[in-house]
Amino acid sequence: MKTIIVYCHPYPHSFNHAILEAVCDNLKTKKVDFRIIDLYAEDFDPVYSKEELALYHEGGTVDPLVKKYLELLKGADTIIFITPIWWNSIPGMLKGFIDKVMKEGENLSHTISKRGVKGGLTNIKHCYVLTTSTSPTLYIKYLNGNAVQRIFIKQTLKQLGFRHGHWQNFGLVSNSTQTRRENYLFRVCQQNFK
């Protein structure tokens, strides 16, 4: 089993990219087998086509990246999402990843019954969502609905079978000092992702 990093940011000089590098350094130091899914660099198309949507209930796809990504997730025990928070939630690119890659059907990501969604990705024992935001973290958590924790982690990812979801946010990223950023990256380099 391995760790999969799903990285969702288009700009290679962003703080999100620095977080990605810190996570990779952490995993290399600990000799953890990992793979990066870089949604922008791999030109993932988050938009459903008519052809793609027509295959949804069969678990099929016309996008080779969808099949590749789902196979990677089925072989992982840990997943780490690295993404900004845009307009109070995850970016459209990451939402499109969930929409398209999570296929309904036996031996795929989930099945649907009269009792609801049954997650098929129970192999993912640990899930981490590392975000950045221009808003303060307390504002996102307590005054703005806490969408990342309440909807993305505790609803969507839980329905897919992911367990032990953890969220950490680096708030006020636009106004953060170099020292604060360096301290955060140091902690990420030391963090235990298991």
Protein backbone atom coordinates (compact mmCIF):
# COMPACT_ATOMS: atom_id res chain seq x y z
CA MET A 1 0.00 0.00 0.00
CA LYS A 2 1.13 3.53 -0.64
CA THR A 3 0.37 7.15 0.04
CA ILE A 4 -1.27 9.22 -2.68
CA ILE A 5 -0.94 13.00 -2.72
CA VAL A 6 -3.65 14.81 -4.67
CA TYR A 7 -2.23 18.24 -5.42
CA CYS A 8 -4.56 20.95 -6.71
CA HIS A 9 -2.91 24.27 -7.49
CA PRO A 10 -1.88 25.72 -10.87
CA TYR A 11 0.96 28.00 -9.74
CA PRO A 12 4.36 26.40 -9.09
CA HIS A 13 5.50 29.27 -6.82
CA SER A 14 2.47 29.17 -4.53
CA PHE A 15 2.59 28.37 -0.83
CA ASN A 16 0.56 25.28 -1.68
CA HIS A 17 3.50 24.11 -3.76
CA ALA A 18 5.84 24.72 -0.84
CA ILE A 19 3.52 22.56 1.28
CA LEU A 20 3.67 19.85 -1.40
CA GLU A 21 7.48 19.92 -1.28
CA ALA A 22 7.44 19.72 2.53
CA VAL A 23 5.09 16.73 2.46
CA CYS A 24 7.28 14.99 -0.14
CA ASP A 25 10.43 15.65 1.94
CA ASN A 26 8.63 14.26 4.98
CA LEU A 27 7.59 11.05 3.21
CA LYS A 28 11.01 10.55 1.60
CA THR A 29 12.74 10.94 4.97
CA LYS A 30 10.40 8.34 6.46
CA LYS A 31 10.87 6.06 3.43
CA VAL A 32 7.15 6.06 2.65
CA ASP A 33 6.16 4.90 -0.83
CA PHE A 34 4.12 7.72 -2.38
CA ARG A 35 2.77 8.98 -5.66
CA ILE A 36 1.63 12.50 -6.64
CA ILE A 37 -1.49 13.22 -8.66
CA ASP A 38 -0.89 16.80 -9.86
CA LEU A 39 -4.24 17.71 -11.37
CA TYR A 40 -3.11 20.85 -13.19
CA ALA A 41 0.28 19.56 -14.37
CA GLU A 42 -1.36 16.38 -15.71
CA ASP A 43 -4.02 18.42 -17.56
CA PHE A 44 -6.90 16.66 -15.82
CA ASP A 45 -10.22 17.78 -17.29
CA PRO A 46 -12.67 18.20 -14.39
CA VAL A 47 -15.67 18.72 -16.68
CA TYR A 48 -18.03 15.89 -17.58
CA SER A 49 -18.61 15.36 -21.28
CA LYS A 50 -21.84 13.81 -22.57
CA GLU A 51 -19.88 10.65 -23.39
CA GLU A 52 -18.34 10.45 -19.93
CA LEU A 53 -21.61 11.03 -18.12
CA ALA A 54 -23.37 8.38 -20.22
CA LEU A 55 -20.93 5.79 -18.81
CA TYR A 56 -21.28 6.84 -15.17
CA HIS A 57 -23.68 4.12 -13.96
CA GLU A 58 -21.61 1.45 -15.73
CA GLY A 59 -18.45 2.68 -14.01
CA GLY A 60 -16.96 3.44 -17.42
CA THR A 61 -14.92 6.35 -18.66
CA VAL A 62 -13.53 7.90 -21.85
CA ASP A 63 -10.81 9.70 -19.85
CA PRO A 64 -7.66 7.58 -19.31
CA LEU A 65 -6.68 9.71 -16.28
CA VAL A 66 -9.92 8.74 -14.51
CA LYS A 67 -9.08 5.05 -14.72
CA LYS A 68 -5.45 5.68 -13.72
CA TYR A 69 -6.40 7.81 -10.71
CA LEU A 70 -9.04 5.38 -9.46
CA GLU A 71 -6.55 2.50 -9.65
CA LEU A 72 -4.04 4.55 -7.66
CA LEU A 73 -6.64 5.26 -4.98
CA LYS A 74 -7.63 1.60 -4.78
CA GLY A 75 -3.99 0.74 -4.04
CA ALA A 76 -3.48 3.37 -1.33
CA ASP A 77 -3.85 3.33 2.42
CA THR A 78 -3.27 7.06 2.95
CA ILE A 79 -4.34 10.06 0.90
CA ILE A 80 -3.16 13.64 1.33
CA PHE A 81 -5.03 16.45 -0.43
CA ILE A 82 -3.15 19.73 -0.83
CA THR A 83 -5.41 22.52 -2.05
CA PRO A 84 -6.38 26.13 -1.52
CA ILE A 85 -9.80 27.12 -0.26
CA TRP A 86 -11.46 29.23 -2.95
CA TRP A 87 -14.81 30.86 -2.29
CA ASN A 88 -15.31 28.96 0.97
CA SER A 89 -14.74 25.45 -0.39
CA ILE A 90 -12.49 23.28 -2.53
CA PRO A 91 -11.66 24.50 -6.08
CA GLY A 92 -13.67 23.32 -9.09
CA MET A 93 -10.70 21.24 -10.26
CA LEU A 94 -10.74 19.15 -7.09
CA LYS A 95 -14.53 18.90 -7.09
CA GLY A 96 -14.30 17.65 -10.70
CA PHE A 97 -11.73 15.06 -9.60
CA ILE A 98 -14.25 13.72 -7.06
CA ASP A 99 -17.12 13.93 -9.56
CA LYS A 100 -15.35 12.08 -12.38
CA VAL A 101 -12.95 9.67 -10.66
CA MET A 102 -15.34 8.33 -8.05
CA LYS A 103 -17.23 5.78 -10.15
CA GLU A 104 -20.32 3.90 -9.06
CA GLY A 105 -20.11 0.12 -9.24
CA GLU A 106 -18.71 -3.02 -7.68
CA ASN A 107 -14.93 -2.85 -7.21
CA LEU A 108 -14.99 0.89 -7.94
CA SER A 109 -15.34 3.77 -5.48
CA HIS A 110 -18.88 3.22 -4.21
CA THR A 111 -22.25 1.57 -4.69
CA ILE A 112 -25.71 3.01 -4.11
CA SER A 113 -28.55 1.19 -2.40
CA LYS A 114 -31.86 2.13 -0.81
CA ARG A 115 -29.92 2.95 2.35
CA GLY A 116 -27.61 5.38 0.59
CA VAL A 117 -24.00 5.41 -0.58
CA LYS A 118 -21.68 2.59 0.47
CA GLY A 119 -18.03 3.51 0.12
CA GLY A 120 -15.74 1.11 -1.68
CA LEU A 121 -12.45 2.83 -0.86
CA THR A 122 -12.21 1.46 2.68
CA ASN A 123 -8.55 0.68 2.00
CA ILE A 124 -7.86 4.38 2.70
CA LYS A 125 -7.25 4.32 6.43
CA HIS A 126 -5.92 7.87 6.79
CA CYS A 127 -6.97 11.01 4.95
CA TYR A 128 -5.42 14.45 5.35
CA VAL A 129 -6.68 17.67 3.79
CA LEU A 130 -4.07 20.43 3.90
CA THR A 131 -5.49 23.77 2.81
CA THR A 132 -4.55 27.42 2.60
CA SER A 133 -6.92 30.35 2.75
CA THR A 134 -6.88 34.12 2.65
CA SER A 135 -9.50 34.09 5.44
CA PRO A 136 -8.59 33.26 9.04
CA THR A 137 -9.11 29.60 9.94
CA LEU A 138 -11.44 30.50 12.84
CA TYR A 139 -13.66 32.45 10.44
CA ILE A 140 -13.89 29.45 8.07
CA LYS A 141 -14.62 27.05 10.95
CA TYR A 142 -17.07 29.03 13.04
CA LEU A 143 -18.60 31.81 10.94
CA ASN A 144 -18.51 30.51 7.39
CA GLY A 145 -20.03 27.04 7.58
CA ASN A 146 -16.85 24.93 7.86
CA ALA A 147 -17.47 23.41 4.41
CA VAL A 148 -14.15 21.56 4.13
CA GLN A 149 -14.66 19.68 7.40
CA ARG A 150 -18.46 19.32 7.37
CA ILE A 151 -19.08 18.57 3.69
CA PHE A 152 -15.85 17.47 2.00
CA ILE A 153 -14.37 15.31 4.79
CA LYS A 154 -17.31 14.23 6.95
CA GLN A 155 -19.76 13.70 4.10
CA THR A 156 -18.16 13.20 0.67
CA LEU A 157 -14.94 11.43 1.65
CA LYS A 158 -16.62 9.45 4.42
CA GLN A 159 -19.29 8.23 1.96
CA LEU A 160 -16.50 6.98 -0.30
CA GLY A 161 -15.07 4.90 2.55
CA PHE A 162 -12.15 7.12 3.60
CA ARG A 163 -11.42 6.88 7.31
CA HIS A 164 -9.75 9.12 9.88
CA GLY A 165 -10.13 12.41 8.01
CA HIS A 166 -8.00 15.28 9.32
CA TRP A 167 -8.08 18.89 8.17
CA GLN A 168 -5.46 21.54 8.79
CA ASN A 169 -5.57 25.02 7.31
CA PHE A 170 -2.96 27.72 6.95
CA GLY A 171 -5.16 30.81 7.22
CA LEU A 172 -4.35 34.41 6.29
CA VAL A 173 -1.87 33.11 3.73
CA SER A 174 -1.76 36.38 1.75
CA ASN A 175 -0.59 38.39 4.76
CA SER A 176 1.58 35.76 6.39
CA THR A 177 5.18 36.47 7.31
CA GLN A 178 8.13 34.48 6.04
CA THR A 179 8.79 33.26 9.59
CA ARG A 180 5.24 31.99 10.02
CA ARG A 181 5.42 30.16 6.68
CA GLU A 182 8.78 28.61 7.51
CA ASN A 183 7.52 27.45 10.91
CA TYR A 184 4.47 25.84 9.32
CA LEU A 185 6.56 24.07 6.67
CA PHE A 186 8.90 22.81 9.38
CA ARG A 187 5.92 21.30 11.24
CA VAL A 188 4.65 19.68 8.02
CA CYS A 189 8.10 18.14 7.49
CA GLN A 190 7.87 16.58 10.99
CA GLN A 191 4.20 15.57 10.87
CA ASN A 192 3.13 11.94 11.07
CA PHE A 193 0.85 11.11 8.14
CA LYS A 194 -0.32 7.75 9.54
